[in-house]
Amino acid sequence: MQGIGVLVAAAAAVFLLFLGLFTVNQQTAAIVQRFGRFVRVARAGLNLKIPLIESVAGRINLRVQQLDVTVETKTEDNVFAHVVVAVQYAALPDKVFEAFYKLAQPQQQITSYVFDVVRARVPKIKLDDVFEKKDEIADAVKAELGQVMNDFGYAIVKALVTDIAPDEKVKQAMNEINAAQRMRVAASEKGEAERILKVKAAEAEAQSKALQGKGIADQRKAIVDGLRESVDAFQKSVPGTSAQDVMNLVLMTQYFDTLKDIGASDKSSTLFVPYTPGNLGEIAAQMRDVLLTTGQPLPRTPAPRMATPAAPQESAAGAGPQSGPQ
């Protein structure tokens, strides 16, 4: 009987030893209580507690956790928007007691402080500036929470404003405003481009006209020089002729060459030109005036076909009809 009692006592001791052993995971802290009173904090690894006297009241996660808080608030220009704030927090290893006993629901506490800070800051900022000053809002949330939550055993690692979502109608209006501004800039740039093109075209036209005028002047000079040389050569070859006679001869030669070219053309157009001998002097004067005023040479290229009208006939008592060259 005595041996059985020893075995029972040994088995009971082993059983109680196993009851007193417990493990704590990495980045976790366990709260050990004795009859409901805090005794110590058990760290990661194998730990021992007094069976039936001490108990593990709870465990605290020491890893960094994230809480996303969506706050509905209005801006200075009375636009309602949803601001999403991501708060990264962790329990302090040296303040596990405060983190476990002082806060019953730390996430709700953090949410309340985030609401308070965001609704105190955003109503002082216009909607367009909220997007630019989101870092200031996040820093304000971190600073406010950091002071308060440190007393409760929690550290605020980072606070981030991850989203700012105004109403869909407000978004559409903002996009339309942006599109209108871009269209105005595009129209301004297009107008400037067209202005530059017109200025360049005007400059090119001015240069073209200047060169054309210079060409006409050179052409007139060449014509005058050629006529002068022709008159001088003709006067030397045929003594007694005047410059006027030579000019008339040259103009008449060009005139008849033009008539020949018109007759040889296959164009269907018709051109009426007086050519009777009595009108030769007038034609020469007109051709000379045109040549001297315009500086254009007489045409030597194919021209429209000319239908030559019959020369005016004399009366029955007069001579026969006069005709020009056929």
C-alpha atoms as a PDB file:
ATOM      1  CA  MET A   1       0.000   0.000   0.000  1.00  0.00           C
ATOM      2  CA  GLN A   2       2.830   2.301   0.779  1.00  0.00           C
ATOM      3  CA  GLY A   3       4.294   1.778  -2.710  1.00  0.00           C
ATOM      4  CA  ILE A   4       0.969   2.574  -4.302  1.00  0.00           C
ATOM      5  CA  GLY A   5       0.743   5.801  -2.297  1.00  0.00           C
ATOM      6  CA  VAL A   6       4.191   6.840  -3.500  1.00  0.00           C
ATOM      7  CA  LEU A   7       3.208   6.189  -7.096  1.00  0.00           C
ATOM      8  CA  VAL A   8       0.055   8.191  -6.722  1.00  0.00           C
ATOM      9  CA  ALA A   9       1.948  11.053  -5.149  1.00  0.00           C
ATOM     10  CA  ALA A  10       4.538  10.970  -7.932  1.00  0.00           C
ATOM     11  CA  ALA A  11       1.856  10.928 -10.614  1.00  0.00           C
ATOM     12  CA  ALA A  12       0.096  13.835  -8.929  1.00  0.00           C
ATOM     13  CA  ALA A  13       3.363  15.774  -8.782  1.00  0.00           C
ATOM     14  CA  VAL A  14       4.031  15.161 -12.468  1.00  0.00           C
ATOM     15  CA  PHE A  15       0.480  16.177 -13.315  1.00  0.00           C
ATOM     16  CA  LEU A  16       0.773  19.393 -11.321  1.00  0.00           C
ATOM     17  CA  LEU A  17       4.142  20.088 -12.967  1.00  0.00           C
ATOM     18  CA  PHE A  18       2.579  19.790 -16.384  1.00  0.00           C
ATOM     19  CA  LEU A  19      -0.222  22.060 -15.261  1.00  0.00           C
ATOM     20  CA  GLY A  20       2.339  24.673 -14.246  1.00  0.00           C
ATOM     21  CA  LEU A  21       4.165  24.652 -17.585  1.00  0.00           C
ATOM     22  CA  PHE A  22       3.050  26.948 -20.427  1.00  0.00           C
ATOM     23  CA  THR A  23       4.621  28.503 -23.506  1.00  0.00           C
ATOM     24  CA  VAL A  24       4.510  32.027 -24.887  1.00  0.00           C
ATOM     25  CA  ASN A  25       4.955  32.726 -28.607  1.00  0.00           C
ATOM     26  CA  GLN A  26       7.508  35.081 -30.044  1.00  0.00           C
ATOM     27  CA  GLN A  27       6.510  38.774 -30.015  1.00  0.00           C
ATOM     28  CA  THR A  28       3.877  37.971 -27.422  1.00  0.00           C
ATOM     29  CA  ALA A  29       3.684  38.644 -23.670  1.00  0.00           C
ATOM     30  CA  ALA A  30       1.541  36.722 -21.162  1.00  0.00           C
ATOM     31  CA  ILE A  31       0.007  38.212 -18.023  1.00  0.00           C
ATOM     32  CA  VAL A  32       0.353  35.937 -14.967  1.00  0.00           C
ATOM     33  CA  GLN A  33      -2.024  36.511 -12.036  1.00  0.00           C
ATOM     34  CA  ARG A  34      -2.184  34.970  -8.595  1.00  0.00           C
ATOM     35  CA  PHE A  35      -5.677  34.800  -7.172  1.00  0.00           C
ATOM     36  CA  GLY A  36      -6.698  37.630  -9.555  1.00  0.00           C
ATOM     37  CA  ARG A  37      -3.742  39.845  -8.768  1.00  0.00           C
ATOM     38  CA  PHE A  38      -1.038  40.706 -11.288  1.00  0.00           C
ATOM     39  CA  VAL A  39       2.206  38.918 -10.569  1.00  0.00           C
ATOM     40  CA  ARG A  40       4.494  39.160 -13.558  1.00  0.00           C
ATOM     41  CA  VAL A  41       4.807  39.241 -17.323  1.00  0.00           C
ATOM     42  CA  ALA A  42       5.842  35.991 -18.987  1.00  0.00           C
ATOM     43  CA  ARG A  43       8.035  36.441 -22.057  1.00  0.00           C
ATOM     44  CA  ALA A  44       8.432  34.232 -25.114  1.00  0.00           C
ATOM     45  CA  GLY A  45       9.468  30.641 -24.476  1.00  0.00           C
ATOM     46  CA  LEU A  46       8.733  28.017 -21.816  1.00  0.00           C
ATOM     47  CA  ASN A  47       7.420  29.439 -18.537  1.00  0.00           C
ATOM     48  CA  LEU A  48       6.336  27.989 -15.182  1.00  0.00           C
ATOM     49  CA  LYS A  49       3.490  29.016 -12.939  1.00  0.00           C
ATOM     50  CA  ILE A  50       2.270  27.646  -9.667  1.00  0.00           C
ATOM     51  CA  PRO A  51      -0.535  25.200 -10.447  1.00  0.00           C
ATOM     52  CA  LEU A  52      -3.940  25.984  -9.042  1.00  0.00           C
ATOM     53  CA  ILE A  53      -2.608  29.235  -7.621  1.00  0.00           C
ATOM     54  CA  GLU A  54      -1.348  31.203 -10.568  1.00  0.00           C
ATOM     55  CA  SER A  55      -3.050  31.565 -13.946  1.00  0.00           C
ATOM     56  CA  VAL A  56      -2.464  33.203 -17.304  1.00  0.00           C
ATOM     57  CA  ALA A  57      -4.952  36.082 -17.449  1.00  0.00           C
ATOM     58  CA  GLY A  58      -4.263  37.005 -21.055  1.00  0.00           C
ATOM     59  CA  ARG A  59      -1.725  37.621 -23.766  1.00  0.00           C
ATOM     60  CA  ILE A  60      -0.602  40.838 -25.456  1.00  0.00           C
ATOM     61  CA  ASN A  61       0.520  40.939 -29.103  1.00  0.00           C
ATOM     62  CA  LEU A  62       3.769  42.924 -29.362  1.00  0.00           C
ATOM     63  CA  ARG A  63       3.823  43.031 -33.178  1.00  0.00           C
ATOM     64  CA  VAL A  64       2.989  46.182 -35.099  1.00  0.00           C
ATOM     65  CA  GLN A  65      -0.693  46.211 -35.986  1.00  0.00           C
ATOM     66  CA  GLN A  66      -2.686  48.414 -38.347  1.00  0.00           C
ATOM     67  CA  LEU A  67      -6.102  49.914 -37.857  1.00  0.00           C
ATOM     68  CA  ASP A  68      -7.917  51.561 -40.796  1.00  0.00           C
ATOM     69  CA  VAL A  69     -10.274  54.314 -39.683  1.00  0.00           C
ATOM     70  CA  THR A  70     -12.728  55.934 -42.122  1.00  0.00           C
ATOM     71  CA  VAL A  71     -13.803  59.400 -41.012  1.00  0.00           C
ATOM     72  CA  GLU A  72     -16.589  61.365 -42.681  1.00  0.00           C
ATOM     73  CA  THR A  73     -15.980  65.076 -42.367  1.00  0.00           C
ATOM     74  CA  LYS A  74     -16.468  68.316 -44.257  1.00  0.00           C
ATOM     75  CA  THR A  75     -13.926  70.762 -45.584  1.00  0.00           C
ATOM     76  CA  GLU A  76     -13.707  74.523 -45.321  1.00  0.00           C
ATOM     77  CA  ASP A  77     -15.659  74.925 -48.572  1.00  0.00           C
ATOM     78  CA  ASN A  78     -18.468  72.709 -47.169  1.00  0.00           C
ATOM     79  CA  VAL A  79     -17.686  69.586 -49.170  1.00  0.00           C
ATOM     80  CA  PHE A  80     -18.202  66.287 -47.378  1.00  0.00           C
ATOM     81  CA  ALA A  81     -15.499  63.689 -47.866  1.00  0.00           C
ATOM     82  CA  HIS A  82     -14.437  60.348 -46.440  1.00  0.00           C
ATOM     83  CA  VAL A  83     -10.875  60.402 -45.095  1.00  0.00           C
ATOM     84  CA  VAL A  84      -9.258  57.011 -44.520  1.00  0.00           C
ATOM     85  CA  VAL A  85      -6.478  57.019 -41.908  1.00  0.00           C
ATOM     86  CA  ALA A  86      -4.280  53.971 -41.383  1.00  0.00           C
ATOM     87  CA  VAL A  87      -2.819  53.892 -37.860  1.00  0.00           C
ATOM     88  CA  GLN A  88       0.077  51.538 -37.180  1.00  0.00           C
ATOM     89  CA  TYR A  89       0.521  50.854 -33.464  1.00  0.00           C
ATOM     90  CA  ALA A  90       2.216  48.349 -31.154  1.00  0.00           C
ATOM     91  CA  ALA A  91       2.209  47.530 -27.439  1.00  0.00           C
ATOM     92  CA  LEU A  92       5.370  48.636 -25.658  1.00  0.00           C
ATOM     93  CA  PRO A  93       7.313  45.643 -24.218  1.00  0.00           C
ATOM     94  CA  ASP A  94       8.117  47.550 -21.018  1.00  0.00           C
ATOM     95  CA  LYS A  95       4.495  48.684 -20.555  1.00  0.00           C
ATOM     96  CA  VAL A  96       2.621  45.427 -20.999  1.00  0.00           C
ATOM     97  CA  PHE A  97       0.858  45.981 -17.645  1.00  0.00           C
ATOM     98  CA  GLU A  98      -0.589  49.348 -18.807  1.00  0.00           C
ATOM     99  CA  ALA A  99      -1.511  47.958 -22.224  1.00  0.00           C
ATOM    100  CA  PHE A 100      -3.410  45.041 -20.682  1.00  0.00           C
ATOM    101  CA  TYR A 101      -5.078  46.665 -17.700  1.00  0.00           C
ATOM    102  CA  LYS A 102      -5.641  50.301 -18.650  1.00  0.00           C
ATOM    103  CA  LEU A 103      -7.365  49.847 -22.002  1.00  0.00           C
ATOM    104  CA  ALA A 104     -10.213  47.412 -22.436  1.00  0.00           C
ATOM    105  CA  GLN A 105     -10.596  48.027 -26.212  1.00  0.00           C
ATOM    106  CA  PRO A 106      -7.528  49.825 -27.614  1.00  0.00           C
ATOM    107  CA  GLN A 107      -8.804  49.849 -31.208  1.00  0.00           C
ATOM    108  CA  GLN A 108     -11.949  51.733 -30.248  1.00  0.00           C
ATOM    109  CA  GLN A 109      -9.873  54.203 -28.256  1.00  0.00           C
ATOM    110  CA  ILE A 110      -7.578  54.811 -31.215  1.00  0.00           C
ATOM    111  CA  THR A 111     -10.587  55.212 -33.531  1.00  0.00           C
ATOM    112  CA  SER A 112     -12.093  57.850 -31.270  1.00  0.00           C
ATOM    113  CA  TYR A 113      -8.904  59.890 -31.179  1.00  0.00           C
ATOM    114  CA  VAL A 114      -8.518  59.665 -34.958  1.00  0.00           C
ATOM    115  CA  PHE A 115     -12.072  60.963 -35.436  1.00  0.00           C
ATOM    116  CA  ASP A 116     -11.361  63.828 -33.061  1.00  0.00           C
ATOM    117  CA  VAL A 117      -8.141  64.924 -34.736  1.00  0.00           C
ATOM    118  CA  VAL A 118      -9.395  64.610 -38.340  1.00  0.00           C
ATOM    119  CA  ARG A 119     -12.636  66.461 -37.667  1.00  0.00           C
ATOM    120  CA  ALA A 120     -10.690  69.224 -35.936  1.00  0.00           C
ATOM    121  CA  ARG A 121      -8.199  69.677 -38.776  1.00  0.00           C
ATOM    122  CA  VAL A 122      -9.973  69.025 -42.080  1.00  0.00           C
ATOM    123  CA  PRO A 123     -12.803  71.615 -41.614  1.00  0.00           C
ATOM    124  CA  LYS A 124     -10.078  74.302 -41.643  1.00  0.00           C
ATOM    125  CA  ILE A 125      -8.752  73.206 -45.050  1.00  0.00           C
ATOM    126  CA  LYS A 126     -10.313  73.509 -48.498  1.00  0.00           C
ATOM    127  CA  LEU A 127     -10.926  70.345 -50.474  1.00  0.00           C
ATOM    128  CA  ASP A 128      -8.191  71.033 -53.035  1.00  0.00           C
ATOM    129  CA  ASP A 129      -5.707  71.610 -50.211  1.00  0.00           C
ATOM    130  CA  VAL A 130      -6.689  68.468 -48.321  1.00  0.00           C
ATOM    131  CA  PHE A 131      -4.948  66.338 -50.952  1.00  0.00           C
ATOM    132  CA  GLU A 132      -1.797  68.438 -50.650  1.00  0.00           C
ATOM    133  CA  LYS A 133      -1.835  68.602 -46.832  1.00  0.00           C
ATOM    134  CA  LYS A 134      -2.654  64.949 -46.142  1.00  0.00           C
ATOM    135  CA  ASP A 135       0.817  64.473 -44.651  1.00  0.00           C
ATOM    136  CA  GLU A 136       0.142  67.291 -42.194  1.00  0.00           C
ATOM    137  CA  ILE A 137      -3.099  65.597 -41.165  1.00  0.00           C
ATOM    138  CA  ALA A 138      -1.301  62.281 -40.709  1.00  0.00           C
ATOM    139  CA  ASP A 139       1.436  63.922 -38.616  1.00  0.00           C
ATOM    140  CA  ALA A 140      -1.192  65.609 -36.456  1.00  0.00           C
ATOM    141  CA  VAL A 141      -2.940  62.256 -35.851  1.00  0.00           C
ATOM    142  CA  LYS A 142       0.365  60.596 -34.952  1.00  0.00           C
ATOM    143  CA  ALA A 143       1.379  63.410 -32.588  1.00  0.00           C
ATOM    144  CA  GLU A 144      -1.996  63.459 -30.833  1.00  0.00           C
ATOM    145  CA  LEU A 145      -2.244  59.706 -30.503  1.00  0.00           C
ATOM    146  CA  GLY A 146       1.416  59.321 -29.550  1.00  0.00           C
ATOM    147  CA  GLN A 147       1.038  61.470 -26.437  1.00  0.00           C
ATOM    148  CA  VAL A 148      -2.151  59.811 -25.279  1.00  0.00           C
ATOM    149  CA  MET A 149      -1.533  56.178 -26.158  1.00  0.00           C
ATOM    150  CA  ASN A 150       1.935  56.151 -24.644  1.00  0.00           C
ATOM    151  CA  ASP A 151       0.353  56.451 -21.206  1.00  0.00           C
ATOM    152  CA  PHE A 152      -1.713  53.371 -22.019  1.00  0.00           C
ATOM    153  CA  GLY A 153       1.275  51.285 -23.057  1.00  0.00           C
ATOM    154  CA  TYR A 154       0.963  51.682 -26.821  1.00  0.00           C
ATOM    155  CA  ALA A 155       3.303  53.351 -29.297  1.00  0.00           C
ATOM    156  CA  ILE A 156       2.000  54.932 -32.511  1.00  0.00           C
ATOM    157  CA  VAL A 157       4.492  53.860 -35.156  1.00  0.00           C
ATOM    158  CA  LYS A 158       2.954  55.667 -38.134  1.00  0.00           C
ATOM    159  CA  ALA A 159      -0.235  57.368 -39.215  1.00  0.00           C
ATOM    160  CA  LEU A 160      -1.048  57.531 -42.940  1.00  0.00           C
ATOM    161  CA  VAL A 161      -3.887  59.207 -44.833  1.00  0.00           C
ATOM    162  CA  THR A 162      -4.444  56.525 -47.459  1.00  0.00           C
ATOM    163  CA  ASP A 163      -7.559  57.885 -49.187  1.00  0.00           C
ATOM    164  CA  ILE A 164      -9.611  61.056 -49.537  1.00  0.00           C
ATOM    165  CA  ALA A 165     -12.920  60.347 -51.234  1.00  0.00           C
ATOM    166  CA  PRO A 166     -15.367  63.213 -51.805  1.00  0.00           C
ATOM    167  CA  ASP A 167     -18.817  62.631 -53.250  1.00  0.00           C
ATOM    168  CA  GLU A 168     -18.983  61.294 -56.813  1.00  0.00           C
ATOM    169  CA  LYS A 169     -20.652  64.486 -58.049  1.00  0.00           C
ATOM    170  CA  VAL A 170     -17.844  66.526 -56.533  1.00  0.00           C
ATOM    171  CA  LYS A 171     -15.273  64.276 -58.203  1.00  0.00           C
ATOM    172  CA  GLN A 172     -17.007  64.710 -61.561  1.00  0.00           C
ATOM    173  CA  ALA A 173     -17.119  68.489 -61.107  1.00  0.00           C
ATOM    174  CA  MET A 174     -13.426  68.575 -60.213  1.00  0.00           C
ATOM    175  CA  ASN A 175     -12.595  66.520 -63.298  1.00  0.00           C
ATOM    176  CA  GLU A 176     -14.663  68.834 -65.490  1.00  0.00           C
ATOM    177  CA  ILE A 177     -12.897  71.885 -64.048  1.00  0.00           C
ATOM    178  CA  ASN A 178      -9.537  70.283 -64.710  1.00  0.00           C
ATOM    179  CA  ALA A 179     -10.584  69.326 -68.240  1.00  0.00           C
ATOM    180  CA  ALA A 180     -11.798  72.873 -68.919  1.00  0.00           C
ATOM    181  CA  GLN A 181      -8.510  74.334 -67.696  1.00  0.00           C
ATOM    182  CA  ARG A 182      -6.544  71.966 -69.898  1.00  0.00           C
ATOM    183  CA  MET A 183      -8.744  72.801 -72.904  1.00  0.00           C
ATOM    184  CA  ARG A 184      -8.185  76.504 -72.263  1.00  0.00           C
ATOM    185  CA  VAL A 185      -4.432  75.979 -72.164  1.00  0.00           C
ATOM    186  CA  ALA A 186      -4.635  73.847 -75.315  1.00  0.00           C
ATOM    187  CA  ALA A 187      -6.671  76.539 -77.093  1.00  0.00           C
ATOM    188  CA  SER A 188      -4.160  79.180 -76.044  1.00  0.00           C
ATOM    189  CA  GLU A 189      -1.269  77.084 -77.311  1.00  0.00           C
ATOM    190  CA  LYS A 190      -3.116  76.379 -80.560  1.00  0.00           C
ATOM    191  CA  GLY A 191      -3.807  80.085 -81.082  1.00  0.00           C
ATOM    192  CA  GLU A 192      -0.175  80.905 -80.415  1.00  0.00           C
ATOM    193  CA  ALA A 193       0.895  78.251 -82.926  1.00  0.00           C
ATOM    194  CA  GLU A 194      -1.491  79.645 -85.551  1.00  0.00           C
ATOM    195  CA  ARG A 195      -0.232  83.156 -84.877  1.00  0.00           C
ATOM    196  CA  ILE A 196       3.355  82.019 -85.367  1.00  0.00           C
ATOM    197  CA  LEU A 197       2.390  80.271 -88.602  1.00  0.00           C
ATOM    198  CA  LYS A 198       0.657  83.396 -89.891  1.00  0.00           C
ATOM    199  CA  VAL A 199       3.593  85.596 -88.925  1.00  0.00           C
ATOM    200  CA  LYS A 200       6.021  83.244 -90.626  1.00  0.00           C
ATOM    201  CA  ALA A 201       3.777  83.064 -93.701  1.00  0.00           C
ATOM    202  CA  ALA A 202       3.582  86.866 -93.816  1.00  0.00           C
ATOM    203  CA  GLU A 203       7.353  87.145 -93.469  1.00  0.00           C
ATOM    204  CA  ALA A 204       7.819  84.571 -96.231  1.00  0.00           C
ATOM    205  CA  GLU A 205       5.353  86.419 -98.463  1.00  0.00           C
ATOM    206  CA  ALA A 206       7.103  89.713 -97.803  1.00  0.00           C
ATOM    207  CA  GLN A 207      10.465  88.182 -98.687  1.00  0.00           C
ATOM    208  CA  SER A 208       8.912  86.571-101.764  1.00  0.00           C
ATOM    209  CA  LYS A 209       7.458  89.873-102.932  1.00  0.00           C
ATOM    210  CA  ALA A 210      10.739  91.621-102.250  1.00  0.00           C
ATOM    211  CA  LEU A 211      12.601  89.031-104.324  1.00  0.00           C
ATOM    212  CA  GLN A 212       9.898  89.181-107.001  1.00  0.00           C
ATOM    213  CA  GLY A 213      10.204  92.951-107.208  1.00  0.00           C
ATOM    214  CA  LYS A 214      13.968  92.656-107.465  1.00  0.00           C
ATOM    215  CA  GLY A 215      13.504  90.085-110.229  1.00  0.00           C
ATOM    216  CA  ILE A 216      11.117  92.342-112.113  1.00  0.00           C
ATOM    217  CA  ALA A 217      13.538  95.219-111.785  1.00  0.00           C
ATOM    218  CA  ASP A 218      16.393  93.068-113.077  1.00  0.00           C
ATOM    219  CA  GLN A 219      14.157  91.812-115.880  1.00  0.00           C
ATOM    220  CA  ARG A 220      13.251  95.350-116.941  1.00  0.00           C
ATOM    221  CA  LYS A 221      16.895  96.313-116.852  1.00  0.00           C
ATOM    222  CA  ALA A 222      17.787  93.301-119.022  1.00  0.00           C
ATOM    223  CA  ILE A 223      15.018  94.170-121.507  1.00  0.00           C
ATOM    224  CA  VAL A 224      16.159  97.766-121.758  1.00  0.00           C
ATOM    225  CA  ASP A 225      19.770  96.685-122.178  1.00  0.00           C
ATOM    226  CA  GLY A 226      18.772  94.184-124.894  1.00  0.00           C
ATOM    227  CA  LEU A 227      16.682  96.749-126.765  1.00  0.00           C
ATOM    228  CA  ARG A 228      19.451  99.298-126.555  1.00  0.00           C
ATOM    229  CA  GLU A 229      21.955  96.837-127.957  1.00  0.00           C
ATOM    230  CA  SER A 230      19.502  95.886-130.766  1.00  0.00           C
ATOM    231  CA  VAL A 231      18.903  99.534-131.680  1.00  0.00           C
ATOM    232  CA  ASP A 232      22.618 100.279-131.716  1.00  0.00           C
ATOM    233  CA  ALA A 233      23.378  97.222-133.873  1.00  0.00           C
ATOM    234  CA  PHE A 234      20.546  97.975-136.322  1.00  0.00           C
ATOM    235  CA  GLN A 235      21.526 101.630-136.695  1.00  0.00           C
ATOM    236  CA  LYS A 236      25.075 100.593-137.468  1.00  0.00           C
ATOM    237  CA  SER A 237      23.902  98.038-140.055  1.00  0.00           C
ATOM    238  CA  VAL A 238      21.246 100.267-141.709  1.00  0.00           C
ATOM    239  CA  PRO A 239      22.343 103.905-141.768  1.00  0.00           C
ATOM    240  CA  GLY A 240      19.672 106.560-141.587  1.00  0.00           C
ATOM    241  CA  THR A 241      17.239 104.649-139.365  1.00  0.00           C
ATOM    242  CA  SER A 242      16.052 106.154-136.133  1.00  0.00           C
ATOM    243  CA  ALA A 243      15.631 104.445-132.774  1.00  0.00           C
ATOM    244  CA  GLN A 244      11.857 104.742-133.106  1.00  0.00           C
ATOM    245  CA  ASP A 245      11.942 102.851-136.403  1.00  0.00           C
ATOM    246  CA  VAL A 246      13.998 100.073-134.864  1.00  0.00           C
ATOM    247  CA  MET A 247      11.651  99.821-131.874  1.00  0.00           C
ATOM    248  CA  ASN A 248       8.611  99.584-134.124  1.00  0.00           C
ATOM    249  CA  LEU A 249      10.287  96.879-136.179  1.00  0.00           C
ATOM    250  CA  VAL A 250      11.225  94.857-133.128  1.00  0.00           C
ATOM    251  CA  LEU A 251       7.755  95.151-131.600  1.00  0.00           C
ATOM    252  CA  MET A 252       6.075  94.200-134.887  1.00  0.00           C
ATOM    253  CA  THR A 253       8.345  91.181-135.212  1.00  0.00           C
ATOM    254  CA  GLN A 254       7.358  90.024-131.728  1.00  0.00           C
ATOM    255  CA  TYR A 255       3.714  90.732-132.517  1.00  0.00           C
ATOM    256  CA  PHE A 256       3.720  88.566-135.659  1.00  0.00           C
ATOM    257  CA  ASP A 257       5.628  85.818-133.856  1.00  0.00           C
ATOM    258  CA  THR A 258       2.887  85.838-131.243  1.00  0.00           C
ATOM    259  CA  LEU A 259       0.203  85.527-133.918  1.00  0.00           C
ATOM    260  CA  LYS A 260       2.054  82.578-135.392  1.00  0.00           C
ATOM    261  CA  ASP A 261       2.267  80.871-132.010  1.00  0.00           C
ATOM    262  CA  ILE A 262      -1.437  81.471-131.408  1.00  0.00           C
ATOM    263  CA  GLY A 263      -2.319  79.953-134.776  1.00  0.00           C
ATOM    264  CA  ALA A 264      -0.150  76.888-134.095  1.00  0.00           C
ATOM    265  CA  SER A 265      -1.743  76.248-130.693  1.00  0.00           C
ATOM    266  CA  ASP A 266      -4.275  73.422-130.320  1.00  0.00           C
ATOM    267  CA  LYS A 267      -6.248  75.160-127.611  1.00  0.00           C
ATOM    268  CA  SER A 268      -9.970  75.586-128.156  1.00  0.00           C
ATOM    269  CA  SER A 269     -10.142  79.138-126.796  1.00  0.00           C
ATOM    270  CA  THR A 270     -10.645  82.017-129.198  1.00  0.00           C
ATOM    271  CA  LEU A 271      -8.943  85.393-129.024  1.00  0.00           C
ATOM    272  CA  PHE A 272      -9.952  88.418-131.146  1.00  0.00           C
ATOM    273  CA  VAL A 273      -7.058  90.741-131.937  1.00  0.00           C
ATOM    274  CA  PRO A 274      -7.141  93.614-134.492  1.00  0.00           C
ATOM    275  CA  TYR A 275      -4.320  93.159-136.975  1.00  0.00           C
ATOM    276  CA  THR A 276      -5.071  95.305-140.040  1.00  0.00           C
ATOM    277  CA  PRO A 277      -2.112  97.315-141.380  1.00  0.00           C
ATOM    278  CA  GLY A 278      -3.816 100.557-140.481  1.00  0.00           C
ATOM    279  CA  ASN A 279      -3.773  99.576-136.821  1.00  0.00           C
ATOM    280  CA  LEU A 280      -0.124  98.523-136.699  1.00  0.00           C
ATOM    281  CA  GLY A 281       1.068 101.873-135.456  1.00  0.00           C
ATOM    282  CA  GLU A 282      -1.504 101.901-132.656  1.00  0.00           C
ATOM    283  CA  ILE A 283      -0.676  98.300-131.720  1.00  0.00           C
ATOM    284  CA  ALA A 284       3.033  99.128-131.620  1.00  0.00           C
ATOM    285  CA  ALA A 285       2.371 102.107-129.360  1.00  0.00           C
ATOM    286  CA  GLN A 286       0.250  99.993-127.018  1.00  0.00           C
ATOM    287  CA  MET A 287       2.829  97.197-126.929  1.00  0.00           C
ATOM    288  CA  ARG A 288       5.591  99.684-126.245  1.00  0.00           C
ATOM    289  CA  ASP A 289       3.614 101.302-123.421  1.00  0.00           C
ATOM    290  CA  VAL A 290       2.837  97.931-121.845  1.00  0.00           C
ATOM    291  CA  LEU A 291       6.437  96.817-122.115  1.00  0.00           C
ATOM    292  CA  LEU A 292       7.786  99.963-120.536  1.00  0.00           C
ATOM    293  CA  THR A 293       5.201 100.073-117.731  1.00  0.00           C
ATOM    294  CA  THR A 294       5.036  96.404-116.740  1.00  0.00           C
ATOM    295  CA  GLY A 295       8.453  95.172-117.741  1.00  0.00           C
ATOM    296  CA  GLN A 296       6.960  91.841-118.886  1.00  0.00           C
ATOM    297  CA  PRO A 297       8.311  90.252-122.089  1.00  0.00           C
ATOM    298  CA  LEU A 298       5.965  89.455-124.899  1.00  0.00           C
ATOM    299  CA  PRO A 299       4.602  85.893-124.718  1.00  0.00           C
ATOM    300  CA  ARG A 300       6.543  83.232-126.591  1.00  0.00           C
ATOM    301  CA  THR A 301       4.699  80.206-125.247  1.00  0.00           C
ATOM    302  CA  PRO A 302       1.644  78.529-126.822  1.00  0.00           C
ATOM    303  CA  ALA A 303      -1.478  80.619-126.259  1.00  0.00           C
ATOM    304  CA  PRO A 304      -5.194  80.102-126.969  1.00  0.00           C
ATOM    305  CA  ARG A 305      -6.199  79.717-130.628  1.00  0.00           C
ATOM    306  CA  MET A 306      -7.138  83.014-132.278  1.00  0.00           C
ATOM    307  CA  ALA A 307     -10.014  83.346-134.703  1.00  0.00           C
ATOM    308  CA  THR A 308      -9.102  86.256-136.973  1.00  0.00           C
ATOM    309  CA  PRO A 309     -12.068  88.349-138.029  1.00  0.00           C
ATOM    310  CA  ALA A 310     -12.317  89.512-141.613  1.00  0.00           C
ATOM    311  CA  ALA A 311     -10.873  92.911-142.297  1.00  0.00           C
ATOM    312  CA  PRO A 312     -13.460  95.635-142.804  1.00  0.00           C
ATOM    313  CA  GLN A 313     -14.419  95.893-146.472  1.00  0.00           C
ATOM    314  CA  GLU A 314     -14.525  99.121-148.345  1.00  0.00           C
ATOM    315  CA  SER A 315     -17.675 100.423-149.900  1.00  0.00           C
ATOM    316  CA  ALA A 316     -18.776  99.219-153.356  1.00  0.00           C
ATOM    317  CA  ALA A 317     -17.137 102.228-154.958  1.00  0.00           C
ATOM    318  CA  GLY A 318     -13.842 101.688-153.143  1.00  0.00           C
ATOM    319  CA  ALA A 319     -11.013  99.260-153.455  1.00  0.00           C
ATOM    320  CA  GLY A 320     -11.032  95.589-152.375  1.00  0.00           C
ATOM    321  CA  PRO A 321     -10.916  94.453-148.733  1.00  0.00           C
ATOM    322  CA  GLN A 322      -7.722  94.697-146.755  1.00  0.00           C
ATOM    323  CA  SER A 323      -6.545  91.609-144.947  1.00  0.00           C
ATOM    324  CA  GLY A 324      -3.922  90.860-142.453  1.00  0.00           C
ATOM    325  CA  PRO A 325      -1.499  87.976-142.403  1.00  0.00           C
ATOM    326  CA  GLN A 326      -3.130  84.561-142.551  1.00  0.00           C
END
